[in-house]
Amino acid sequence: MFKLKSYLLLFSLSTVLLSCMDFYFENKNPDLQLSAIPRKDSTEQRFIVLSDWGFNGGLDQKRVADAMVYISEQAGLNFIVTAGDNFQYSGVPSSTDTLWKLNYENVYNDSALNVSWYPVLGNHDHYGNTQAEIDYSILNPKWHMASAYYSFKKAVGNNDSILFVMLDTQSLVEEYALHPDSSEFDSIPQYKWMKNTLKNNTTKWTIVVGHHTLYSASAFHGDTPEIKAMLKPLLDKYKTDFYICGHDHHFEHARDIANYTDYIVTGTGGYVRPVGSNAHTVFSISKTGFSYFIAKPNSLKMFFVGSDKKLIYTYEKKKLPDNHR
C-alpha cells in the first residue's frame, strides 16, 4: 500500500511539473522520404548546416553538395551555416587563392545553393590564414563572415526570430590552456562577448554554432573538455536551444537529460569515421550528408540528410506561443 501511495504521489508531482513546462520534445524516426517535407512558406526559415566539408570536391564532398541542391529544390532553402573545417587539411593561404574555386565555388555552384553562407572556423582552418576566410566576404557576396566570431538573426513568423551565435572554438580551446580557472574566463574577449550576447538575448530561438564537440560518442575526438567547461554552464543558464558542431565526422544528436540544450554533431560534409553511443546519445550514425532545419515561430525541426538524398533522422523541438527567454 505504501509503494502504491508513493507511486501515485510521484505520478502527481510529475504531472504538475510537466504542466508547467513551456516546451516539449518530439523525437522519432520519420517516414524516411524527402517527399515527407512540405515546401517552405514565407513565415519559415529553412537552412542547412554543413561541416568538415573542404576536400576540393573529393571524397564525398560533391555527393553531399548534390544532395544539398536536391533538398533545396524539393523543400526550399534560405541560407547555409557551416560549422568549420571549411578547408581540409591546411586551411587557405589567402582570400584569392585557387582553393576557393576548387573547394567552394566549383562545388556549390548550382543556383539552388545561391543563398547566403554563414561560416565558422575549425581547427583545420586555423592551420592556414583565418583572416583570409573573413576577407573573402568582401570578394563574394554570398560569404558572410564578419569576424572570427559573430552573431546574426533571422526572422520567423511576424514577431519572432532566431539568434545564431557563431564561435571560433579553436581560439577558445587555446585560451582555456592559458585561463583554465572559470574565474578567469571573463578575461577572454570571445567568452565575455558570448556570455553577454546570450545574457541580453530576447529572441524566441537561440542556436550556438562552433566547430569542436561538447558531447560526442566518437572514439576519435569525443567530448572536448575545454568546450564543455566554458560553454555548458552558459548554454544551461540561458536555455540555448541547440549547440551545433562538427569536428567528429559523424551524425549525432545528444542531450544532457537534466538540462535544456540539444547537442548536434554534423561533421559529415566529406567523409566519416565510425561512431558509437553513450549515455548522452539520442541517435548516432556514420554517414556523409548534412543537417536541414525548418524554423517556425513555435517549432524547430531538424533532419539528418544523407549524401544518397535520403532522410536519416528527424527531431522536433516545440515551444508554446509567446514563450521568449
C-alpha atoms as a PDB file:
ATOM      1  CA  MET A   1       0.000   0.000   0.000  1.00  0.00           C
ATOM      2  CA  PHE A   2       2.900   2.323   0.856  1.00  0.00           C
ATOM      3  CA  LYS A   3       4.519   1.635  -2.536  1.00  0.00           C
ATOM      4  CA  LEU A   4       1.251   2.390  -4.323  1.00  0.00           C
ATOM      5  CA  LYS A   5       0.833   5.725  -2.497  1.00  0.00           C
ATOM      6  CA  SER A   6       4.451   6.639  -3.246  1.00  0.00           C
ATOM      7  CA  TYR A   7       3.932   5.849  -6.906  1.00  0.00           C
ATOM      8  CA  LEU A   8       0.749   7.920  -7.072  1.00  0.00           C
ATOM      9  CA  LEU A   9       2.499  10.835  -5.362  1.00  0.00           C
ATOM     10  CA  LEU A  10       5.400  10.641  -7.809  1.00  0.00           C
ATOM     11  CA  PHE A  11       2.989  10.494 -10.760  1.00  0.00           C
ATOM     12  CA  SER A  12       1.092  13.540  -9.460  1.00  0.00           C
ATOM     13  CA  LEU A  13       4.285  15.544  -8.999  1.00  0.00           C
ATOM     14  CA  SER A  14       5.458  14.598 -12.498  1.00  0.00           C
ATOM     15  CA  THR A  15       2.132  15.717 -13.949  1.00  0.00           C
ATOM     16  CA  VAL A  16       2.393  19.080 -12.214  1.00  0.00           C
ATOM     17  CA  LEU A  17       5.959  19.596 -13.408  1.00  0.00           C
ATOM     18  CA  LEU A  18       5.088  18.717 -16.980  1.00  0.00           C
ATOM     19  CA  SER A  19       2.126  21.087 -16.965  1.00  0.00           C
ATOM     20  CA  CYS A  20       4.487  23.924 -16.005  1.00  0.00           C
ATOM     21  CA  MET A  21       6.910  23.296 -18.858  1.00  0.00           C
ATOM     22  CA  ASP A  22       6.825  25.747 -21.742  1.00  0.00           C
ATOM     23  CA  PHE A  23       8.387  23.366 -24.238  1.00  0.00           C
ATOM     24  CA  TYR A  24       8.311  19.744 -25.163  1.00  0.00           C
ATOM     25  CA  PHE A  25      10.350  17.406 -27.303  1.00  0.00           C
ATOM     26  CA  GLU A  26       9.250  15.087 -30.044  1.00  0.00           C
ATOM     27  CA  ASN A  27      11.895  12.669 -31.183  1.00  0.00           C
ATOM     28  CA  LYS A  28      11.283   9.993 -33.782  1.00  0.00           C
ATOM     29  CA  ASN A  29      12.405   8.364 -36.969  1.00  0.00           C
ATOM     30  CA  PRO A  30      10.049   9.519 -39.730  1.00  0.00           C
ATOM     31  CA  ASP A  31       8.877   8.012 -42.961  1.00  0.00           C
ATOM     32  CA  LEU A  32      12.320   8.471 -44.453  1.00  0.00           C
ATOM     33  CA  GLN A  33      11.303  10.167 -47.685  1.00  0.00           C
ATOM     34  CA  LEU A  34      12.191  13.679 -48.764  1.00  0.00           C
ATOM     35  CA  SER A  35       8.670  13.931 -50.126  1.00  0.00           C
ATOM     36  CA  ALA A  36       7.525  13.973 -46.487  1.00  0.00           C
ATOM     37  CA  ILE A  37       8.929  17.503 -46.157  1.00  0.00           C
ATOM     38  CA  PRO A  38       6.413  20.112 -47.343  1.00  0.00           C
ATOM     39  CA  ARG A  39       7.526  23.111 -49.375  1.00  0.00           C
ATOM     40  CA  LYS A  40       8.512  26.155 -47.318  1.00  0.00           C
ATOM     41  CA  ASP A  41       6.251  29.125 -46.830  1.00  0.00           C
ATOM     42  CA  SER A  42       7.121  32.773 -46.301  1.00  0.00           C
ATOM     43  CA  THR A  43       6.852  32.597 -42.496  1.00  0.00           C
ATOM     44  CA  GLU A  44       9.615  29.981 -42.147  1.00  0.00           C
ATOM     45  CA  GLN A  45      13.396  29.914 -42.235  1.00  0.00           C
ATOM     46  CA  ARG A  46      14.949  26.847 -43.803  1.00  0.00           C
ATOM     47  CA  PHE A  47      18.668  26.318 -43.549  1.00  0.00           C
ATOM     48  CA  ILE A  48      21.393  23.725 -43.957  1.00  0.00           C
ATOM     49  CA  VAL A  49      24.243  23.140 -41.517  1.00  0.00           C
ATOM     50  CA  LEU A  50      27.334  21.715 -43.215  1.00  0.00           C
ATOM     51  CA  SER A  51      30.610  20.866 -41.509  1.00  0.00           C
ATOM     52  CA  ASP A  52      34.015  19.330 -42.253  1.00  0.00           C
ATOM     53  CA  TRP A  53      33.429  19.729 -45.946  1.00  0.00           C
ATOM     54  CA  GLY A  54      36.560  21.199 -47.536  1.00  0.00           C
ATOM     55  CA  PHE A  55      38.037  18.412 -49.667  1.00  0.00           C
ATOM     56  CA  ASN A  56      38.393  20.260 -53.002  1.00  0.00           C
ATOM     57  CA  GLY A  57      35.479  18.322 -54.435  1.00  0.00           C
ATOM     58  CA  GLY A  58      36.972  14.965 -53.476  1.00  0.00           C
ATOM     59  CA  LEU A  59      35.803  12.088 -51.293  1.00  0.00           C
ATOM     60  CA  ASP A  60      32.046  12.552 -50.750  1.00  0.00           C
ATOM     61  CA  GLN A  61      32.015  16.361 -50.858  1.00  0.00           C
ATOM     62  CA  LYS A  62      30.448  16.584 -54.313  1.00  0.00           C
ATOM     63  CA  ARG A  63      27.792  13.971 -53.493  1.00  0.00           C
ATOM     64  CA  VAL A  64      26.862  15.940 -50.369  1.00  0.00           C
ATOM     65  CA  ALA A  65      26.654  19.123 -52.458  1.00  0.00           C
ATOM     66  CA  ASP A  66      24.349  17.356 -54.933  1.00  0.00           C
ATOM     67  CA  ALA A  67      22.084  16.284 -52.058  1.00  0.00           C
ATOM     68  CA  MET A  68      22.022  19.881 -50.824  1.00  0.00           C
ATOM     69  CA  VAL A  69      20.882  21.002 -54.264  1.00  0.00           C
ATOM     70  CA  TYR A  70      18.200  18.340 -54.265  1.00  0.00           C
ATOM     71  CA  ILE A  71      16.672  19.282 -50.919  1.00  0.00           C
ATOM     72  CA  SER A  72      16.828  22.982 -51.806  1.00  0.00           C
ATOM     73  CA  GLU A  73      14.859  22.284 -54.986  1.00  0.00           C
ATOM     74  CA  GLN A  74      12.412  19.934 -53.288  1.00  0.00           C
ATOM     75  CA  ALA A  75      11.773  21.723 -49.997  1.00  0.00           C
ATOM     76  CA  GLY A  76      13.323  25.212 -50.139  1.00  0.00           C
ATOM     77  CA  LEU A  77      16.359  26.903 -48.654  1.00  0.00           C
ATOM     78  CA  ASN A  78      17.033  30.359 -47.168  1.00  0.00           C
ATOM     79  CA  PHE A  79      20.679  30.127 -46.100  1.00  0.00           C
ATOM     80  CA  ILE A  80      23.568  27.812 -45.207  1.00  0.00           C
ATOM     81  CA  VAL A  81      25.604  27.645 -41.984  1.00  0.00           C
ATOM     82  CA  THR A  82      28.977  25.934 -41.780  1.00  0.00           C
ATOM     83  CA  ALA A  83      30.457  24.548 -38.569  1.00  0.00           C
ATOM     84  CA  GLY A  84      34.083  24.746 -39.625  1.00  0.00           C
ATOM     85  CA  ASP A  85      36.898  22.860 -41.321  1.00  0.00           C
ATOM     86  CA  ASN A  86      35.934  24.683 -44.470  1.00  0.00           C
ATOM     87  CA  PHE A  87      39.373  23.816 -45.892  1.00  0.00           C
ATOM     88  CA  GLN A  88      40.964  20.443 -45.280  1.00  0.00           C
ATOM     89  CA  TYR A  89      43.686  19.907 -44.354  1.00  0.00           C
ATOM     90  CA  SER A  90      45.734  23.083 -44.031  1.00  0.00           C
ATOM     91  CA  GLY A  91      43.296  25.968 -44.308  1.00  0.00           C
ATOM     92  CA  VAL A  92      43.634  28.532 -47.092  1.00  0.00           C
ATOM     93  CA  PRO A  93      46.556  30.980 -47.530  1.00  0.00           C
ATOM     94  CA  SER A  94      44.684  33.976 -48.959  1.00  0.00           C
ATOM     95  CA  SER A  95      41.270  35.252 -49.992  1.00  0.00           C
ATOM     96  CA  THR A  96      42.249  34.950 -53.683  1.00  0.00           C
ATOM     97  CA  ASP A  97      43.858  31.501 -53.577  1.00  0.00           C
ATOM     98  CA  THR A  98      42.765  28.940 -56.191  1.00  0.00           C
ATOM     99  CA  LEU A  99      41.466  26.753 -53.348  1.00  0.00           C
ATOM    100  CA  TRP A 100      38.353  28.947 -53.248  1.00  0.00           C
ATOM    101  CA  LYS A 101      37.415  27.743 -56.725  1.00  0.00           C
ATOM    102  CA  LEU A 102      38.457  24.117 -56.205  1.00  0.00           C
ATOM    103  CA  ASN A 103      36.889  23.750 -52.785  1.00  0.00           C
ATOM    104  CA  TYR A 104      33.904  26.107 -52.782  1.00  0.00           C
ATOM    105  CA  GLU A 105      32.951  27.974 -55.947  1.00  0.00           C
ATOM    106  CA  ASN A 106      33.159  24.977 -58.305  1.00  0.00           C
ATOM    107  CA  VAL A 107      31.468  22.552 -55.888  1.00  0.00           C
ATOM    108  CA  TYR A 108      28.489  24.557 -54.576  1.00  0.00           C
ATOM    109  CA  ASN A 109      27.826  26.390 -57.841  1.00  0.00           C
ATOM    110  CA  ASP A 110      24.265  25.277 -58.537  1.00  0.00           C
ATOM    111  CA  SER A 111      21.685  28.074 -58.499  1.00  0.00           C
ATOM    112  CA  ALA A 112      19.768  26.169 -55.784  1.00  0.00           C
ATOM    113  CA  LEU A 113      22.655  26.963 -53.411  1.00  0.00           C
ATOM    114  CA  ASN A 114      22.856  30.630 -54.389  1.00  0.00           C
ATOM    115  CA  VAL A 115      21.983  31.753 -50.860  1.00  0.00           C
ATOM    116  CA  SER A 116      23.883  33.396 -48.011  1.00  0.00           C
ATOM    117  CA  TRP A 117      26.553  31.296 -46.292  1.00  0.00           C
ATOM    118  CA  TYR A 118      27.459  31.922 -42.607  1.00  0.00           C
ATOM    119  CA  PRO A 119      30.680  30.069 -41.693  1.00  0.00           C
ATOM    120  CA  VAL A 120      32.689  29.483 -38.543  1.00  0.00           C
ATOM    121  CA  LEU A 121      36.322  28.418 -38.306  1.00  0.00           C
ATOM    122  CA  GLY A 122      37.521  24.915 -37.500  1.00  0.00           C
ATOM    123  CA  ASN A 123      40.879  23.667 -36.277  1.00  0.00           C
ATOM    124  CA  HIS A 124      41.988  22.921 -39.863  1.00  0.00           C
ATOM    125  CA  ASP A 125      41.068  26.452 -40.913  1.00  0.00           C
ATOM    126  CA  HIS A 126      43.468  27.670 -38.216  1.00  0.00           C
ATOM    127  CA  TYR A 127      46.316  25.800 -39.928  1.00  0.00           C
ATOM    128  CA  GLY A 128      46.017  28.389 -42.712  1.00  0.00           C
ATOM    129  CA  ASN A 129      45.203  32.105 -42.764  1.00  0.00           C
ATOM    130  CA  THR A 130      41.950  32.601 -40.861  1.00  0.00           C
ATOM    131  CA  GLN A 131      41.803  36.268 -41.866  1.00  0.00           C
ATOM    132  CA  ALA A 132      41.592  35.090 -45.493  1.00  0.00           C
ATOM    133  CA  GLU A 133      38.233  33.465 -44.758  1.00  0.00           C
ATOM    134  CA  ILE A 134      36.993  36.695 -43.213  1.00  0.00           C
ATOM    135  CA  ASP A 135      38.333  38.812 -46.090  1.00  0.00           C
ATOM    136  CA  TYR A 136      36.669  36.550 -48.659  1.00  0.00           C
ATOM    137  CA  SER A 137      33.374  38.131 -47.550  1.00  0.00           C
ATOM    138  CA  ILE A 138      34.476  41.262 -49.425  1.00  0.00           C
ATOM    139  CA  LEU A 139      35.003  39.315 -52.654  1.00  0.00           C
ATOM    140  CA  ASN A 140      31.967  37.034 -52.598  1.00  0.00           C
ATOM    141  CA  PRO A 141      28.577  38.494 -51.552  1.00  0.00           C
ATOM    142  CA  LYS A 142      27.307  35.018 -50.584  1.00  0.00           C
ATOM    143  CA  TRP A 143      30.006  34.537 -47.918  1.00  0.00           C
ATOM    144  CA  HIS A 144      29.094  36.331 -44.675  1.00  0.00           C
ATOM    145  CA  MET A 145      31.864  36.169 -42.108  1.00  0.00           C
ATOM    146  CA  ALA A 146      32.162  39.479 -40.299  1.00  0.00           C
ATOM    147  CA  SER A 147      34.925  38.303 -37.946  1.00  0.00           C
ATOM    148  CA  ALA A 148      36.308  35.172 -36.305  1.00  0.00           C
ATOM    149  CA  TYR A 149      33.221  35.152 -34.038  1.00  0.00           C
ATOM    150  CA  TYR A 150      29.971  36.997 -34.612  1.00  0.00           C
ATOM    151  CA  SER A 151      26.197  36.713 -34.419  1.00  0.00           C
ATOM    152  CA  PHE A 152      23.233  37.237 -36.711  1.00  0.00           C
ATOM    153  CA  LYS A 153      19.450  36.983 -36.523  1.00  0.00           C
ATOM    154  CA  LYS A 154      16.772  35.630 -38.826  1.00  0.00           C
ATOM    155  CA  ALA A 155      13.053  36.419 -38.547  1.00  0.00           C
ATOM    156  CA  VAL A 156      10.471  33.657 -38.192  1.00  0.00           C
ATOM    157  CA  GLY A 157       6.799  34.500 -38.461  1.00  0.00           C
ATOM    158  CA  ASN A 158       5.709  38.075 -37.881  1.00  0.00           C
ATOM    159  CA  ASN A 159       7.139  38.712 -34.427  1.00  0.00           C
ATOM    160  CA  ASP A 160       9.774  36.074 -33.642  1.00  0.00           C
ATOM    161  CA  SER A 161      13.381  35.434 -34.583  1.00  0.00           C
ATOM    162  CA  ILE A 162      16.390  33.129 -34.203  1.00  0.00           C
ATOM    163  CA  LEU A 163      19.737  34.259 -32.841  1.00  0.00           C
ATOM    164  CA  PHE A 164      22.799  32.467 -34.229  1.00  0.00           C
ATOM    165  CA  VAL A 165      25.923  32.780 -32.079  1.00  0.00           C
ATOM    166  CA  MET A 166      28.902  31.829 -34.250  1.00  0.00           C
ATOM    167  CA  LEU A 167      32.040  30.846 -32.324  1.00  0.00           C
ATOM    168  CA  ASP A 168      35.721  30.340 -33.042  1.00  0.00           C
ATOM    169  CA  THR A 169      36.118  27.322 -30.766  1.00  0.00           C
ATOM    170  CA  GLN A 170      39.759  26.662 -31.716  1.00  0.00           C
ATOM    171  CA  SER A 171      40.656  30.010 -30.168  1.00  0.00           C
ATOM    172  CA  LEU A 172      38.569  29.174 -27.088  1.00  0.00           C
ATOM    173  CA  VAL A 173      40.440  25.874 -26.667  1.00  0.00           C
ATOM    174  CA  GLU A 174      43.760  27.719 -26.918  1.00  0.00           C
ATOM    175  CA  GLU A 175      42.641  30.418 -24.465  1.00  0.00           C
ATOM    176  CA  TYR A 176      41.452  27.787 -21.993  1.00  0.00           C
ATOM    177  CA  ALA A 177      45.013  26.478 -21.772  1.00  0.00           C
ATOM    178  CA  LEU A 178      46.040  29.926 -20.512  1.00  0.00           C
ATOM    179  CA  HIS A 179      42.967  30.500 -18.289  1.00  0.00           C
ATOM    180  CA  PRO A 180      41.724  27.105 -17.025  1.00  0.00           C
ATOM    181  CA  ASP A 181      40.051  28.528 -13.922  1.00  0.00           C
ATOM    182  CA  SER A 182      36.424  29.557 -14.548  1.00  0.00           C
ATOM    183  CA  SER A 183      37.017  32.716 -12.502  1.00  0.00           C
ATOM    184  CA  GLU A 184      39.350  33.858 -15.293  1.00  0.00           C
ATOM    185  CA  PHE A 185      37.009  33.164 -18.221  1.00  0.00           C
ATOM    186  CA  ASP A 186      35.769  36.759 -18.352  1.00  0.00           C
ATOM    187  CA  SER A 187      39.301  37.851 -19.260  1.00  0.00           C
ATOM    188  CA  ILE A 188      38.872  36.017 -22.579  1.00  0.00           C
ATOM    189  CA  PRO A 189      37.263  38.508 -25.014  1.00  0.00           C
ATOM    190  CA  GLN A 190      35.313  35.909 -27.020  1.00  0.00           C
ATOM    191  CA  TYR A 191      33.964  34.233 -23.882  1.00  0.00           C
ATOM    192  CA  LYS A 192      32.863  37.567 -22.406  1.00  0.00           C
ATOM    193  CA  TRP A 193      31.222  38.535 -25.713  1.00  0.00           C
ATOM    194  CA  MET A 194      29.402  35.193 -25.900  1.00  0.00           C
ATOM    195  CA  LYS A 195      28.152  35.460 -22.309  1.00  0.00           C
ATOM    196  CA  ASN A 196      26.847  38.984 -22.844  1.00  0.00           C
ATOM    197  CA  THR A 197      25.254  38.011 -26.159  1.00  0.00           C
ATOM    198  CA  LEU A 198      23.342  35.149 -24.546  1.00  0.00           C
ATOM    199  CA  LYS A 199      22.503  37.151 -21.437  1.00  0.00           C
ATOM    200  CA  ASN A 200      20.975  40.031 -23.411  1.00  0.00           C
ATOM    201  CA  ASN A 201      19.207  37.855 -25.956  1.00  0.00           C
ATOM    202  CA  THR A 202      15.405  38.116 -26.230  1.00  0.00           C
ATOM    203  CA  THR A 203      14.782  36.020 -29.364  1.00  0.00           C
ATOM    204  CA  LYS A 204      12.428  33.039 -29.445  1.00  0.00           C
ATOM    205  CA  TRP A 205      15.151  30.612 -30.531  1.00  0.00           C
ATOM    206  CA  THR A 206      18.904  30.521 -29.881  1.00  0.00           C
ATOM    207  CA  ILE A 207      21.425  28.394 -31.774  1.00  0.00           C
ATOM    208  CA  VAL A 208      25.135  28.371 -30.917  1.00  0.00           C
ATOM    209  CA  VAL A 209      27.434  27.101 -33.662  1.00  0.00           C
ATOM    210  CA  GLY A 210      31.030  26.063 -33.057  1.00  0.00           C
ATOM    211  CA  HIS A 211      33.416  23.557 -34.543  1.00  0.00           C
ATOM    212  CA  HIS A 212      34.535  21.497 -31.559  1.00  0.00           C
ATOM    213  CA  THR A 213      32.258  18.964 -29.937  1.00  0.00           C
ATOM    214  CA  LEU A 214      30.814  19.351 -26.480  1.00  0.00           C
ATOM    215  CA  TYR A 215      29.282  15.859 -26.353  1.00  0.00           C
ATOM    216  CA  SER A 216      30.379  13.201 -28.837  1.00  0.00           C
ATOM    217  CA  ALA A 217      30.300   9.406 -28.811  1.00  0.00           C
ATOM    218  CA  SER A 218      33.239   9.099 -31.222  1.00  0.00           C
ATOM    219  CA  ALA A 219      36.444   7.400 -30.136  1.00  0.00           C
ATOM    220  CA  PHE A 220      38.398   9.785 -32.398  1.00  0.00           C
ATOM    221  CA  HIS A 221      37.818  13.128 -30.640  1.00  0.00           C
ATOM    222  CA  GLY A 222      34.871  12.579 -28.302  1.00  0.00           C
ATOM    223  CA  ASP A 223      33.897  15.264 -25.809  1.00  0.00           C
ATOM    224  CA  THR A 224      36.016  18.421 -25.805  1.00  0.00           C
ATOM    225  CA  PRO A 225      36.729  19.133 -22.113  1.00  0.00           C
ATOM    226  CA  GLU A 226      37.669  22.774 -22.683  1.00  0.00           C
ATOM    227  CA  ILE A 227      34.457  23.497 -24.602  1.00  0.00           C
ATOM    228  CA  LYS A 228      32.368  21.653 -22.026  1.00  0.00           C
ATOM    229  CA  ALA A 229      33.912  23.646 -19.182  1.00  0.00           C
ATOM    230  CA  MET A 230      33.486  27.010 -20.897  1.00  0.00           C
ATOM    231  CA  LEU A 231      30.230  26.671 -22.812  1.00  0.00           C
ATOM    232  CA  LYS A 232      27.957  24.262 -20.985  1.00  0.00           C
ATOM    233  CA  PRO A 233      27.257  26.469 -17.931  1.00  0.00           C
ATOM    234  CA  LEU A 234      26.249  29.312 -20.283  1.00  0.00           C
ATOM    235  CA  LEU A 235      24.135  27.072 -22.522  1.00  0.00           C
ATOM    236  CA  ASP A 236      22.336  25.734 -19.448  1.00  0.00           C
ATOM    237  CA  LYS A 237      21.878  29.094 -17.763  1.00  0.00           C
ATOM    238  CA  TYR A 238      20.496  30.883 -20.816  1.00  0.00           C
ATOM    239  CA  LYS A 239      18.488  27.911 -22.145  1.00  0.00           C
ATOM    240  CA  THR A 240      20.175  27.728 -25.520  1.00  0.00           C
ATOM    241  CA  ASP A 241      18.104  25.561 -27.851  1.00  0.00           C
ATOM    242  CA  PHE A 242      20.893  23.935 -29.872  1.00  0.00           C
ATOM    243  CA  TYR A 243      24.668  23.673 -29.852  1.00  0.00           C
ATOM    244  CA  ILE A 244      25.720  22.538 -33.335  1.00  0.00           C
ATOM    245  CA  CYS A 245      29.238  21.449 -34.267  1.00  0.00           C
ATOM    246  CA  GLY A 246      31.383  19.218 -36.432  1.00  0.00           C
ATOM    247  CA  HIS A 247      34.961  18.073 -35.655  1.00  0.00           C
ATOM    248  CA  ASP A 248      33.964  14.441 -35.221  1.00  0.00           C
ATOM    249  CA  HIS A 249      32.908  13.031 -38.582  1.00  0.00           C
ATOM    250  CA  HIS A 250      29.500  11.532 -37.939  1.00  0.00           C
ATOM    251  CA  PHE A 251      25.886  12.464 -37.241  1.00  0.00           C
ATOM    252  CA  GLU A 252      24.835  12.587 -33.607  1.00  0.00           C
ATOM    253  CA  HIS A 253      22.031  14.027 -31.515  1.00  0.00           C
ATOM    254  CA  ALA A 254      22.980  14.120 -27.835  1.00  0.00           C
ATOM    255  CA  ARG A 255      21.370  15.570 -24.759  1.00  0.00           C
ATOM    256  CA  ASP A 256      22.031  16.004 -21.066  1.00  0.00           C
ATOM    257  CA  ILE A 257      18.581  14.934 -19.914  1.00  0.00           C
ATOM    258  CA  ALA A 258      18.724  17.223 -16.855  1.00  0.00           C
ATOM    259  CA  ASN A 259      19.086  20.345 -18.997  1.00  0.00           C
ATOM    260  CA  TYR A 260      17.524  22.084 -21.961  1.00  0.00           C
ATOM    261  CA  THR A 261      20.067  22.213 -24.806  1.00  0.00           C
ATOM    262  CA  ASP A 262      20.245  19.714 -27.666  1.00  0.00           C
ATOM    263  CA  TYR A 263      23.723  18.899 -28.989  1.00  0.00           C
ATOM    264  CA  ILE A 264      24.124  18.162 -32.693  1.00  0.00           C
ATOM    265  CA  VAL A 265      27.266  16.780 -34.338  1.00  0.00           C
ATOM    266  CA  THR A 266      27.160  17.052 -38.132  1.00  0.00           C
ATOM    267  CA  GLY A 267      30.783  16.724 -39.280  1.00  0.00           C
ATOM    268  CA  THR A 268      29.711  14.746 -42.324  1.00  0.00           C
ATOM    269  CA  GLY A 269      30.331  17.052 -45.296  1.00  0.00           C
ATOM    270  CA  GLY A 270      33.080  14.985 -46.945  1.00  0.00           C
ATOM    271  CA  TYR A 271      33.898  11.745 -45.163  1.00  0.00           C
ATOM    272  CA  VAL A 272      33.011   9.909 -41.960  1.00  0.00           C
ATOM    273  CA  ARG A 273      34.545   7.874 -39.173  1.00  0.00           C
ATOM    274  CA  PRO A 274      32.965   5.163 -37.002  1.00  0.00           C
ATOM    275  CA  VAL A 275      30.702   6.294 -34.164  1.00  0.00           C
ATOM    276  CA  GLY A 276      29.237   4.590 -31.145  1.00  0.00           C
ATOM    277  CA  SER A 277      26.845   5.802 -28.455  1.00  0.00           C
ATOM    278  CA  ASN A 278      26.983   6.707 -24.795  1.00  0.00           C
ATOM    279  CA  ALA A 279      24.736   7.946 -22.002  1.00  0.00           C
ATOM    280  CA  HIS A 280      24.102  11.249 -23.793  1.00  0.00           C
ATOM    281  CA  THR A 281      23.405   9.839 -27.253  1.00  0.00           C
ATOM    282  CA  VAL A 282      19.857  10.034 -28.572  1.00  0.00           C
ATOM    283  CA  PHE A 283      20.825   8.988 -32.096  1.00  0.00           C
ATOM    284  CA  SER A 284      24.082   8.483 -33.989  1.00  0.00           C
ATOM    285  CA  ILE A 285      25.158   7.163 -37.376  1.00  0.00           C
ATOM    286  CA  SER A 286      28.269   7.161 -39.560  1.00  0.00           C
ATOM    287  CA  LYS A 287      27.157   8.516 -42.936  1.00  0.00           C
ATOM    288  CA  THR A 288      28.023  11.557 -45.075  1.00  0.00           C
ATOM    289  CA  GLY A 289      25.475  14.352 -45.501  1.00  0.00           C
ATOM    290  CA  PHE A 290      24.254  17.493 -43.739  1.00  0.00           C
ATOM    291  CA  SER A 291      21.612  18.756 -41.334  1.00  0.00           C
ATOM    292  CA  TYR A 292      18.491  20.551 -42.571  1.00  0.00           C
ATOM    293  CA  PHE A 293      16.367  22.764 -40.322  1.00  0.00           C
ATOM    294  CA  ILE A 294      12.852  24.135 -40.598  1.00  0.00           C
ATOM    295  CA  ALA A 295      12.316  27.057 -38.223  1.00  0.00           C
ATOM    296  CA  LYS A 296       8.823  28.270 -37.374  1.00  0.00           C
ATOM    297  CA  PRO A 297       7.693  30.560 -34.555  1.00  0.00           C
ATOM    298  CA  ASN A 298       6.759  27.628 -32.315  1.00  0.00           C
ATOM    299  CA  SER A 299       8.897  24.770 -33.604  1.00  0.00           C
ATOM    300  CA  LEU A 300      12.374  23.936 -34.841  1.00  0.00           C
ATOM    301  CA  LYS A 301      12.595  20.736 -36.813  1.00  0.00           C
ATOM    302  CA  MET A 302      15.878  19.112 -37.746  1.00  0.00           C
ATOM    303  CA  PHE A 303      16.651  16.418 -40.294  1.00  0.00           C
ATOM    304  CA  PHE A 304      19.843  14.460 -40.874  1.00  0.00           C
ATOM    305  CA  VAL A 305      20.061  14.081 -44.662  1.00  0.00           C
ATOM    306  CA  GLY A 306      22.432  11.604 -46.309  1.00  0.00           C
ATOM    307  CA  SER A 307      24.515  12.132 -49.431  1.00  0.00           C
ATOM    308  CA  ASP A 308      22.244   9.497 -51.007  1.00  0.00           C
ATOM    309  CA  LYS A 309      19.421  12.091 -50.775  1.00  0.00           C
ATOM    310  CA  LYS A 310      17.548  10.127 -48.131  1.00  0.00           C
ATOM    311  CA  LEU A 311      16.361  11.275 -44.726  1.00  0.00           C
ATOM    312  CA  ILE A 312      18.139   9.532 -41.870  1.00  0.00           C
ATOM    313  CA  TYR A 313      16.628  11.020 -38.726  1.00  0.00           C
ATOM    314  CA  THR A 314      14.363  13.842 -37.616  1.00  0.00           C
ATOM    315  CA  TYR A 315      13.827  15.653 -34.351  1.00  0.00           C
ATOM    316  CA  GLU A 316      11.415  18.444 -33.480  1.00  0.00           C
ATOM    317  CA  LYS A 317      11.610  20.907 -30.609  1.00  0.00           C
ATOM    318  CA  LYS A 318       8.493  22.911 -29.803  1.00  0.00           C
ATOM    319  CA  LYS A 319       7.574  25.902 -27.671  1.00  0.00           C
ATOM    320  CA  LEU A 320       4.268  27.333 -26.641  1.00  0.00           C
ATOM    321  CA  PRO A 321       3.271  30.607 -28.368  1.00  0.00           C
ATOM    322  CA  ASP A 322       4.731  33.786 -26.889  1.00  0.00           C
ATOM    323  CA  ASN A 323       7.390  31.849 -24.990  1.00  0.00           C
ATOM    324  CA  HIS A 324      10.520  34.002 -25.188  1.00  0.00           C
ATOM    325  CA  ARG A 325      13.560  33.740 -22.977  1.00  0.00           C
END
